Structures are given as C-alpha cells and as structure tokens.
Amino acid sequence: MADVSSIPIAVSGVHVETKGKHLILNMGPQHPSTHGVLRLVLEIDGEVVVKATPDIGYLHTGIEKSCESKFYQQAVTLTDRIDYLCPLTNNLCYVLAVEKLIGMEVPRRAQWIRVLLNELSRISSHLVWLGTHALDIGAMSVFLYCFREREEILKIYEYVSGQRMMTSYFRVGGVALEPPLGMLERVRAFIKTFPDKIAEYETLLTHNPIWLGRTQNVGYLSAADCLAWGVTGPCLRAVGVALDLRKTNPYSAYEEFDFEVPVRSEGDVYARYMVRIAEMKQSVRIVQQAVEGMPEGPFKAAAEGIVLPDRDKMKSEMEALIYHFKIVTEGFKIPAGEAYQAIESPRGQMGYYVVSDGTSKPYRVHVRSASFGNLQALPRMVEGRLLADVVAIIGSIDIVLGEVDR
C-alpha cells in the first residue's frame, strides 16, 4: 500500500482508513463474531494484525449502581442480566456474598440444588459458546446441535422457576421455591443422553482437519501472560494452571462432589476448546451425583425477618403474614460491613463485593467479571496473527459483553 495520508474508505459497510502503510479497520461493534457489542480497532499490515485495541462500553447498563436503589433481595433480578448466558451463576455469587455478610448458614438441600442448577448453567453456557464459536469458523451443523441440547436445559429452568433464562431462582437463604415433583427425573433424563451429544460434537470437530487448521497454534497465550493479565477459567486452565475455585476454594457444598479439573498445556484456541468439552463432561458427572444424592430437608433457611415464610403459614398465621409484608415492602437490614465472594463461572473467576451501611439496601455492589479480565489479553493473542485468526481467537475466550460493561 502506498504511503498516503489518512483517507476514509468504505469497504463492505466497515469503516476503514489508511495510516501510513498500515490500514486501520473497525471490527464491530455490530460485527456478529465479536460476540456482543465489542469494537475492535485493528491496525493491519496486509493480512497481519499489527495492533489491536478493544473498545468497550457499548452495553453499559449501570447494573452495579442500580443495586444501590434496590432491597437486597430485589438486586437478585439485576444479577441475572450481567452474564445473561449463566444467570443462575450470578444469582449464586451475589446471594453467597450477602449470606456471608449476614453470617447465615444455608440448609444442605438448598446448597445441593444450587450446585445442580449451577452446573446445568455451565453446560448451557458452554453450549452457546461452542455453537457460536463453530459458526464463526464455518461449522454450521454444530451450532444447530448445541442449541438443540441447550433448549432442553432451558425447559428444565422453566419447569423449576417459571422462566427460561432470567430465573432469579436463588434467594438469600436458599432457593425461591421447593423444586417441583419430577424435576430430578427431568434432569436425570437429560444427563443420560447428553454424553452421546458431546461425542457428536467431538466427531464433527475434534479431528476435523479444517477445525485443526483454524485452531491449533492460533491465539497462543502463556501461563505468565494469563497471570499478568488476570485471565481465569478455561483460558487459564488451557495453559496448564489447574485453578478452579470449586476445588481450591469450595463453596455451596462443592467439597462434597467428586470431579476433576480439566487442563491442557498448549495455550491455543484448540486447547481452550478441549478444556470446555472436558468441563461439560465433568459437569454431567457433578449433576449425576447431585441427582442421585439429593439430601432431604428444607430448601431455605429459617431466618425470620430475612427469608420469606412459607405460603401456607402466611395464609394461616398472623405473625408469618406480618413478616411477609415487612420483608416485601421494607426489605431486611444487614449489619454494616463488607464481604467478597468469588466463584467459578463458565468464563472464570466471578466475584461480588457487597458493602452494607446497616440499611435495607446495599451501599455498594461491585462485580469482578471474568470476561473483563480475559478480554484484556486479547491484543496479546491477536497481534502478529492473520486477520482471519481474530474471529477464531475472540470466540475462544468466550466473552459476554454484558459482563464486561455491566
């Protein structure tokens, strides 16, 4: 390209301009393969990416600030919208942080229900990732297969909570409702067939020469880079670091479950794919244990003034009716203090920092989102690679822009 001054050029609806001998190309924020409204400013020399700058903020919703105007329980509905591919995981992290502030002990049955649904959320999220990632690279069939299985999980959510995605099912002190009769049978039926579906995905992709050519030795990231940039989750485990908070810092009864933490050593797009495939298999293993060993007992803590009383009691006992009315209309107060709770989301370490000033509404809620940390490392992975590799690399880190911007 000739050395010319900056001249805007229209190429297929994408704004491009020249910069010396390099081309400045805006990829997004409307580009489908950026997996949300992410804008990438790419400086390219021919087909090689010289520099990449992520530009975020197009999906900023102000959820953290909105939490300050809601009662503690009302804020659960906001957490659903942060990472909308695993809403229950956000519910869990938030309520665990609030329960830590209160010093509340949650019944064992409620903890196991949380684990079961949280692992179904992990599978559901990985299915969306795999389907869209394969579609980006040109494999359409996998997208259709993955959404076929995800639909079955959404049906389970709807059966349990009445909602397909934004369930708000986890509550401070336990879960919203006793799981309906037949729920465990539906989950059992799903996990009985799902391992064969994973085998189908692998048959289509794992040894496919086109897939290997687009993913192996592409988007390399070292363990040192991951630790320096705050990369967690499957991206970190793909470089051989077996960090999984379900094992290292167990929460909600995860210490009672037997499962492995999949790791790879290659650190490329293919390694991230293999880690997530193995994670779905381990999630099936956890769900199977939860279904077969689900303990009996209450599904929520007995905490008057904080946890809503049973509907039957509310209709027959005046004191229960008063508690119900006051919790719904005034919320519940928490002693002044602060708490941080981190859990392992499908994308990595998710953390909720909650500050109480002694009122019925949180003084501050801040989210440590895995996608934000992982996205920081994107320039490191794409610079020096071909322009065609950018799409594969973005898909491999599995970002959710609602979680990045909040």
Protein backbone atom coordinates (compact mmCIF):
# COMPACT_ATOMS: atom_id res chain seq x y z
CA MET A 1 0.00 0.00 0.00
CA ALA A 2 1.32 3.45 -0.87
CA ASP A 3 2.35 5.78 1.93
CA VAL A 4 -0.57 8.21 1.89
CA SER A 5 -2.32 10.42 4.41
CA SER A 6 -5.35 9.20 6.29
CA ILE A 7 -8.15 8.68 3.73
CA PRO A 8 -11.52 7.16 4.73
CA ILE A 9 -12.52 4.18 2.58
CA ALA A 10 -15.83 2.27 2.56
CA VAL A 11 -15.34 -1.47 2.39
CA SER A 12 -18.45 -3.66 2.72
CA GLY A 13 -20.02 -1.29 5.20
CA VAL A 14 -16.97 -1.40 7.51
CA HIS A 15 -15.17 1.88 8.20
CA VAL A 16 -11.56 1.61 7.10
CA GLU A 17 -8.88 4.26 6.90
CA THR A 18 -5.26 4.26 5.88
CA LYS A 19 -2.49 5.15 8.28
CA GLY A 20 0.84 5.33 6.55
CA LYS A 21 1.47 1.84 5.20
CA HIS A 22 -0.98 0.27 7.62
CA LEU A 23 -4.76 0.04 7.49
CA ILE A 24 -6.99 0.95 10.45
CA LEU A 25 -10.10 -1.25 10.48
CA ASN A 26 -13.07 -1.05 12.84
CA MET A 27 -14.29 -4.56 13.59
CA GLY A 28 -17.60 -4.10 15.38
CA PRO A 29 -19.41 -3.05 17.47
CA GLN A 30 -22.10 -4.54 15.22
CA HIS A 31 -19.97 -7.40 13.89
CA PRO A 32 -21.58 -10.78 14.79
CA SER A 33 -18.30 -12.54 15.54
CA THR A 34 -17.38 -10.08 18.30
CA HIS A 35 -20.00 -11.91 20.42
CA GLY A 36 -21.77 -8.79 21.52
CA VAL A 37 -21.26 -5.09 21.05
CA LEU A 38 -17.45 -5.09 21.16
CA ARG A 39 -15.49 -2.73 18.92
CA LEU A 40 -12.00 -3.78 17.95
CA VAL A 41 -9.74 -1.18 16.38
CA LEU A 42 -7.33 -3.22 14.29
CA GLU A 43 -4.19 -1.88 12.68
CA ILE A 44 -3.24 -4.29 9.91
CA ASP A 45 -0.33 -4.64 7.54
CA GLY A 46 -1.76 -6.61 4.65
CA GLU A 47 -3.33 -9.64 6.36
CA VAL A 48 -1.30 -9.37 9.57
CA VAL A 49 -2.64 -7.66 12.69
CA VAL A 50 -0.06 -5.18 13.95
CA LYS A 51 -2.08 -3.75 16.81
CA ALA A 52 -5.48 -4.47 18.37
CA THR A 53 -7.35 -2.19 20.76
CA PRO A 54 -10.63 -3.37 22.35
CA ASP A 55 -13.15 -0.55 22.79
CA ILE A 56 -15.82 -1.44 25.34
CA GLY A 57 -18.80 0.31 26.92
CA TYR A 58 -21.47 -0.08 24.24
CA LEU A 59 -23.59 -2.30 26.52
CA HIS A 60 -23.13 -0.40 29.77
CA THR A 61 -26.31 -0.83 31.81
CA GLY A 62 -25.34 0.63 35.18
CA ILE A 63 -26.38 -2.53 36.99
CA GLU A 64 -23.89 -2.08 39.84
CA LYS A 65 -25.23 1.40 40.54
CA SER A 66 -28.83 0.24 40.21
CA CYS A 67 -28.27 -2.27 43.03
CA GLU A 68 -27.88 0.64 45.45
CA SER A 69 -31.54 1.60 44.96
CA LYS A 70 -32.92 -1.92 45.44
CA PHE A 71 -33.55 -4.03 48.51
CA TYR A 72 -31.01 -6.82 48.91
CA GLN A 73 -33.45 -9.39 47.54
CA GLN A 74 -34.57 -7.21 44.64
CA ALA A 75 -30.97 -6.94 43.40
CA VAL A 76 -31.02 -10.65 42.54
CA THR A 77 -33.08 -9.84 39.44
CA LEU A 78 -30.38 -7.42 38.28
CA THR A 79 -27.63 -10.02 38.56
CA ASP A 80 -29.46 -12.19 36.00
CA ARG A 81 -28.72 -9.56 33.36
CA ILE A 82 -24.97 -9.24 33.92
CA ASP A 83 -23.85 -12.51 32.34
CA TYR A 84 -27.05 -13.49 30.58
CA LEU A 85 -25.67 -16.86 29.47
CA CYS A 86 -25.37 -18.10 33.05
CA PRO A 87 -27.83 -16.01 35.11
CA LEU A 88 -28.03 -18.57 37.91
CA THR A 89 -24.27 -18.34 38.43
CA ASN A 90 -24.60 -14.60 39.00
CA ASN A 91 -27.52 -15.22 41.37
CA LEU A 92 -25.39 -17.66 43.33
CA CYS A 93 -22.35 -15.42 43.68
CA TYR A 94 -24.42 -12.47 44.84
CA VAL A 95 -26.52 -14.34 47.41
CA LEU A 96 -23.40 -16.05 48.79
CA ALA A 97 -21.83 -12.62 49.35
CA VAL A 98 -24.97 -11.35 51.13
CA GLU A 99 -25.20 -14.53 53.21
CA LYS A 100 -21.57 -14.03 54.20
CA LEU A 101 -22.42 -10.52 55.38
CA ILE A 102 -25.31 -11.86 57.45
CA GLY A 103 -23.40 -14.91 58.68
CA MET A 104 -26.23 -17.13 57.51
CA GLU A 105 -25.99 -20.92 57.24
CA VAL A 106 -27.93 -22.30 54.26
CA PRO A 107 -29.57 -25.75 54.50
CA ARG A 108 -27.68 -28.56 52.82
CA ARG A 109 -30.54 -29.40 50.47
CA ALA A 110 -30.60 -25.82 49.19
CA GLN A 111 -26.85 -25.94 48.61
CA TRP A 112 -27.14 -29.12 46.56
CA ILE A 113 -29.99 -27.68 44.48
CA ARG A 114 -27.78 -24.66 43.80
CA VAL A 115 -24.89 -26.88 42.69
CA LEU A 116 -27.13 -28.92 40.39
CA LEU A 117 -28.61 -25.88 38.64
CA ASN A 118 -25.28 -24.08 38.55
CA GLU A 119 -23.67 -26.98 36.67
CA LEU A 120 -26.57 -27.08 34.23
CA SER A 121 -25.87 -23.37 33.70
CA ARG A 122 -22.23 -24.19 32.97
CA ILE A 123 -23.27 -26.73 30.35
CA SER A 124 -25.80 -24.32 28.84
CA SER A 125 -23.22 -21.54 28.63
CA HIS A 126 -20.60 -23.81 27.06
CA LEU A 127 -23.18 -24.95 24.51
CA VAL A 128 -23.80 -21.36 23.43
CA TRP A 129 -20.04 -20.80 23.26
CA LEU A 130 -19.36 -23.95 21.21
CA GLY A 131 -22.23 -23.37 18.79
CA THR A 132 -21.35 -19.73 18.08
CA HIS A 133 -17.60 -20.40 18.05
CA ALA A 134 -18.03 -23.17 15.48
CA LEU A 135 -20.36 -20.95 13.44
CA ASP A 136 -17.73 -18.19 13.40
CA ILE A 137 -15.21 -20.61 11.93
CA GLY A 138 -17.70 -22.01 9.40
CA ALA A 139 -19.24 -25.10 11.02
CA MET A 140 -23.00 -24.53 10.94
CA SER A 141 -24.20 -28.00 11.96
CA VAL A 142 -22.59 -27.78 15.41
CA PHE A 143 -24.50 -24.58 16.13
CA LEU A 144 -27.82 -26.33 15.47
CA TYR A 145 -26.84 -29.36 17.57
CA CYS A 146 -25.70 -27.27 20.55
CA PHE A 147 -28.86 -25.19 20.66
CA ARG A 148 -30.90 -28.37 20.46
CA GLU A 149 -29.39 -29.51 23.78
CA ARG A 150 -29.49 -26.05 25.33
CA GLU A 151 -33.22 -25.96 24.70
CA GLU A 152 -33.66 -28.98 26.97
CA ILE A 153 -31.83 -27.18 29.80
CA LEU A 154 -33.99 -24.08 29.34
CA LYS A 155 -37.07 -26.29 29.61
CA ILE A 156 -35.77 -27.54 32.98
CA TYR A 157 -35.27 -23.94 34.13
CA GLU A 158 -38.82 -23.09 33.10
CA TYR A 159 -40.20 -26.14 34.89
CA VAL A 160 -38.37 -25.24 38.10
CA SER A 161 -38.78 -21.45 38.20
CA GLY A 162 -41.30 -20.43 35.54
CA GLN A 163 -38.64 -18.64 33.48
CA ARG A 164 -36.40 -19.93 30.69
CA MET A 165 -33.41 -17.63 31.26
CA MET A 166 -33.76 -14.85 33.86
CA THR A 167 -34.91 -17.18 36.62
CA SER A 168 -33.92 -15.23 39.77
CA TYR A 169 -34.39 -18.60 41.45
CA PHE A 170 -31.65 -18.39 44.07
CA ARG A 171 -32.58 -16.29 47.07
CA VAL A 172 -30.78 -15.09 50.17
CA GLY A 173 -31.12 -18.09 52.49
CA GLY A 174 -31.75 -20.78 49.87
CA VAL A 175 -33.93 -21.02 46.77
CA ALA A 176 -37.24 -19.39 45.91
CA LEU A 177 -39.44 -22.47 45.77
CA GLU A 178 -39.39 -26.15 46.57
CA PRO A 179 -38.34 -27.87 43.31
CA PRO A 180 -41.45 -29.30 41.66
CA LEU A 181 -42.17 -33.01 41.60
CA GLY A 182 -40.47 -34.66 38.65
CA MET A 183 -37.63 -32.14 38.43
CA LEU A 184 -34.94 -34.70 39.26
CA GLU A 185 -36.41 -37.14 36.74
CA ARG A 186 -36.20 -34.50 34.01
CA VAL A 187 -32.59 -33.72 34.89
CA ARG A 188 -31.77 -37.44 35.00
CA ALA A 189 -33.27 -37.92 31.53
CA PHE A 190 -31.15 -35.07 30.15
CA ILE A 191 -27.82 -36.21 31.58
CA LYS A 192 -28.50 -39.76 30.40
CA THR A 193 -28.44 -38.68 26.75
CA PHE A 194 -26.12 -35.67 26.87
CA PRO A 195 -22.76 -37.56 26.90
CA ASP A 196 -23.68 -39.02 23.50
CA LYS A 197 -24.35 -35.50 22.25
CA ILE A 198 -20.88 -34.37 23.38
CA ALA A 199 -19.48 -37.32 21.42
CA GLU A 200 -21.33 -35.99 18.36
CA TYR A 201 -19.67 -32.58 18.73
CA GLU A 202 -16.27 -34.21 19.00
CA THR A 203 -16.92 -36.40 15.97
CA LEU A 204 -17.65 -33.26 13.97
CA LEU A 205 -14.77 -31.12 15.26
CA THR A 206 -12.02 -32.68 17.36
CA HIS A 207 -10.16 -34.40 14.49
CA ASN A 208 -11.59 -32.34 11.65
CA PRO A 209 -8.60 -31.10 9.57
CA ILE A 210 -10.27 -27.75 8.83
CA TRP A 211 -11.03 -27.22 12.52
CA LEU A 212 -7.47 -28.18 13.47
CA GLY A 213 -6.03 -25.80 10.89
CA ARG A 214 -8.10 -22.89 12.23
CA THR A 215 -7.49 -23.55 15.94
CA GLN A 216 -4.13 -25.24 16.57
CA ASN A 217 -1.15 -22.93 17.19
CA VAL A 218 -3.52 -19.95 16.94
CA GLY A 219 -4.00 -17.34 19.67
CA TYR A 220 -1.24 -18.61 21.94
CA LEU A 221 -1.15 -17.27 25.48
CA SER A 222 1.42 -18.34 28.06
CA ALA A 223 0.80 -19.02 31.74
CA ALA A 224 2.82 -15.93 32.64
CA ASP A 225 0.65 -13.79 30.35
CA CYS A 226 -2.53 -15.22 31.88
CA LEU A 227 -1.41 -14.43 35.41
CA ALA A 228 -0.20 -10.96 34.41
CA TRP A 229 -3.46 -10.02 32.70
CA GLY A 230 -5.84 -11.60 35.21
CA VAL A 231 -7.02 -14.35 32.85
CA THR A 232 -9.01 -17.09 34.61
CA GLY A 233 -11.27 -20.01 33.79
CA PRO A 234 -10.85 -22.30 30.78
CA CYS A 235 -8.39 -19.86 29.18
CA LEU A 236 -6.10 -20.22 32.22
CA ARG A 237 -6.57 -23.98 32.50
CA ALA A 238 -5.70 -24.29 28.80
CA VAL A 239 -2.11 -23.30 29.66
CA GLY A 240 -1.77 -25.91 32.40
CA VAL A 241 -2.77 -23.91 35.50
CA ALA A 242 -5.33 -26.04 37.35
CA LEU A 243 -7.06 -23.17 39.14
CA ASP A 244 -10.75 -23.84 39.73
CA LEU A 245 -12.44 -22.21 42.72
CA ARG A 246 -14.80 -25.16 43.06
CA LYS A 247 -11.71 -27.14 44.12
CA THR A 248 -9.35 -24.57 45.63
CA ASN A 249 -11.99 -22.50 47.47
CA PRO A 250 -15.12 -24.67 47.53
CA TYR A 251 -18.49 -23.07 48.19
CA SER A 252 -22.09 -24.25 48.37
CA ALA A 253 -21.14 -27.88 49.15
CA TYR A 254 -18.81 -28.37 46.15
CA GLU A 255 -16.38 -30.06 48.53
CA GLU A 256 -18.85 -32.95 48.73
CA PHE A 257 -18.66 -33.70 45.00
CA ASP A 258 -16.13 -35.80 43.15
CA PHE A 259 -14.93 -34.26 39.89
CA GLU A 260 -11.73 -33.37 38.04
CA VAL A 261 -10.36 -30.07 36.77
CA PRO A 262 -9.52 -30.45 33.05
CA VAL A 263 -6.27 -28.82 31.93
CA ARG A 264 -4.25 -28.60 28.73
CA SER A 265 -0.78 -27.24 28.07
CA GLU A 266 -0.88 -25.87 24.51
CA GLY A 267 -2.45 -22.49 25.36
CA ASP A 268 -4.04 -22.05 21.93
CA VAL A 269 -7.61 -21.88 20.57
CA TYR A 270 -7.76 -25.67 20.27
CA ALA A 271 -6.70 -26.18 23.90
CA ARG A 272 -9.49 -23.88 25.09
CA TYR A 273 -11.94 -25.89 23.03
CA MET A 274 -10.73 -29.17 24.53
CA VAL A 275 -10.90 -27.81 28.09
CA ARG A 276 -14.52 -26.72 27.70
CA ILE A 277 -15.52 -30.02 26.11
CA ALA A 278 -13.97 -31.84 29.09
CA GLU A 279 -15.67 -29.42 31.52
CA MET A 280 -19.09 -30.30 30.13
CA LYS A 281 -18.32 -33.96 30.83
CA GLN A 282 -17.31 -33.12 34.40
CA SER A 283 -20.46 -31.03 34.88
CA VAL A 284 -22.53 -34.05 33.86
CA ARG A 285 -20.63 -36.01 36.49
CA ILE A 286 -21.47 -33.43 39.18
CA VAL A 287 -25.14 -33.22 38.17
CA GLN A 288 -25.38 -37.01 38.27
CA GLN A 289 -24.08 -37.03 41.86
CA ALA A 290 -26.49 -34.22 42.82
CA VAL A 291 -29.47 -36.08 41.37
CA GLU A 292 -28.62 -39.40 42.99
CA GLY A 293 -27.64 -37.99 46.39
CA MET A 294 -30.02 -35.06 46.81
CA PRO A 295 -30.49 -34.68 50.59
CA GLU A 296 -33.83 -34.22 52.28
CA GLY A 297 -34.67 -31.19 54.37
CA PRO A 298 -35.71 -27.54 53.97
CA PHE A 299 -34.95 -25.60 50.81
CA LYS A 300 -34.39 -22.31 52.65
CA ALA A 301 -33.04 -21.12 55.97
CA ALA A 302 -35.28 -20.47 58.96
CA ALA A 303 -34.48 -16.78 59.37
CA GLU A 304 -37.45 -14.70 60.44
CA GLY A 305 -37.38 -11.20 59.07
CA ILE A 306 -34.97 -12.15 56.26
CA VAL A 307 -36.37 -15.21 54.49
CA LEU A 308 -40.00 -15.16 53.39
CA PRO A 309 -42.20 -17.53 55.42
CA ASP A 310 -43.91 -20.49 53.77
CA ARG A 311 -47.04 -19.61 51.84
CA ASP A 312 -49.17 -21.93 53.96
CA LYS A 313 -48.03 -20.24 57.17
CA MET A 314 -48.55 -16.80 55.68
CA LYS A 315 -52.21 -17.69 55.00
CA SER A 316 -52.87 -19.14 58.44
CA GLU A 317 -50.60 -17.33 60.93
CA MET A 318 -50.75 -13.60 61.59
CA GLU A 319 -47.08 -13.36 62.58
CA ALA A 320 -45.96 -15.01 59.31
CA LEU A 321 -48.19 -12.61 57.35
CA ILE A 322 -46.59 -9.63 59.10
CA TYR A 323 -43.07 -10.89 58.35
CA HIS A 324 -44.00 -11.44 54.71
CA PHE A 325 -45.46 -7.94 54.39
CA LYS A 326 -42.50 -6.23 56.04
CA ILE A 327 -39.85 -8.14 54.04
CA VAL A 328 -41.56 -7.39 50.73
CA THR A 329 -42.30 -3.72 51.45
CA GLU A 330 -39.29 -2.73 53.59
CA GLY A 331 -36.63 -5.35 52.84
CA PHE A 332 -34.35 -6.59 55.60
CA LYS A 333 -31.48 -4.80 57.26
CA ILE A 334 -27.94 -6.17 57.39
CA PRO A 335 -25.29 -5.07 59.91
CA ALA A 336 -22.73 -2.65 58.48
CA GLY A 337 -19.77 -4.42 56.91
CA GLU A 338 -18.38 -5.74 53.66
CA ALA A 339 -17.96 -9.13 52.04
CA TYR A 340 -16.38 -10.53 48.89
CA GLN A 341 -17.37 -13.85 47.38
CA ALA A 342 -15.70 -15.44 44.36
CA ILE A 343 -16.99 -18.47 42.47
CA GLU A 344 -16.07 -20.32 39.28
CA SER A 345 -18.31 -19.19 36.42
CA PRO A 346 -18.19 -20.77 32.95
CA ARG A 347 -15.79 -17.99 31.94
CA GLY A 348 -13.58 -17.92 35.02
CA GLN A 349 -13.47 -16.18 38.38
CA MET A 350 -16.61 -14.20 39.12
CA GLY A 351 -16.62 -12.13 42.29
CA TYR A 352 -19.20 -9.99 44.07
CA TYR A 353 -18.13 -7.33 46.55
CA VAL A 354 -21.05 -6.13 48.67
CA VAL A 355 -20.89 -3.30 51.22
CA SER A 356 -23.60 -2.74 53.83
CA ASP A 357 -24.21 0.50 55.70
CA GLY A 358 -26.77 -1.03 58.02
CA THR A 359 -29.82 -0.23 55.90
CA SER A 360 -32.07 -2.50 53.82
CA LYS A 361 -30.28 -1.59 50.59
CA PRO A 362 -26.63 -2.30 49.69
CA TYR A 363 -24.33 0.71 49.93
CA ARG A 364 -22.14 -0.68 47.14
CA VAL A 365 -22.12 -3.70 44.84
CA HIS A 366 -19.14 -4.32 42.58
CA VAL A 367 -18.63 -7.25 40.23
CA ARG A 368 -15.32 -8.84 39.31
CA SER A 369 -16.22 -10.24 35.90
CA ALA A 370 -14.18 -12.99 34.28
CA SER A 371 -14.85 -11.69 30.77
CA PHE A 372 -13.29 -8.31 31.56
CA GLY A 373 -10.04 -9.89 32.72
CA ASN A 374 -9.93 -12.33 29.83
CA LEU A 375 -10.62 -9.63 27.25
CA GLN A 376 -7.56 -7.69 28.43
CA ALA A 377 -5.35 -10.40 26.97
CA LEU A 378 -6.96 -10.32 23.50
CA PRO A 379 -4.36 -7.95 21.94
CA ARG A 380 -1.60 -10.26 23.17
CA MET A 381 -3.25 -13.18 21.35
CA VAL A 382 -4.09 -11.50 18.03
CA GLU A 383 -1.15 -9.19 17.38
CA GLY A 384 1.12 -10.79 14.81
CA ARG A 385 -1.60 -13.17 13.65
CA LEU A 386 -3.61 -13.13 10.44
CA LEU A 387 -6.82 -11.12 10.26
CA ALA A 388 -8.80 -14.34 9.72
CA ASP A 389 -7.50 -15.65 13.07
CA VAL A 390 -9.03 -12.76 15.01
CA VAL A 391 -12.52 -14.26 14.70
CA ALA A 392 -11.35 -17.66 16.00
CA ILE A 393 -9.42 -16.09 18.88
CA ILE A 394 -12.31 -13.88 20.06
CA GLY A 395 -14.60 -16.90 20.09
CA SER A 396 -12.09 -18.97 22.04
CA ILE A 397 -12.04 -16.64 25.06
CA ASP A 398 -15.86 -16.73 25.34
CA ILE A 399 -16.59 -13.15 26.36
CA VAL A 400 -20.02 -11.83 27.31
CA LEU A 401 -20.22 -8.08 26.83
CA GLY A 402 -22.97 -7.63 29.40
CA GLU A 403 -20.46 -8.90 31.95
CA VAL A 404 -17.65 -6.72 30.60
CA ASP A 405 -19.60 -3.44 30.59
CA ARG A 406 -22.17 -4.00 33.39
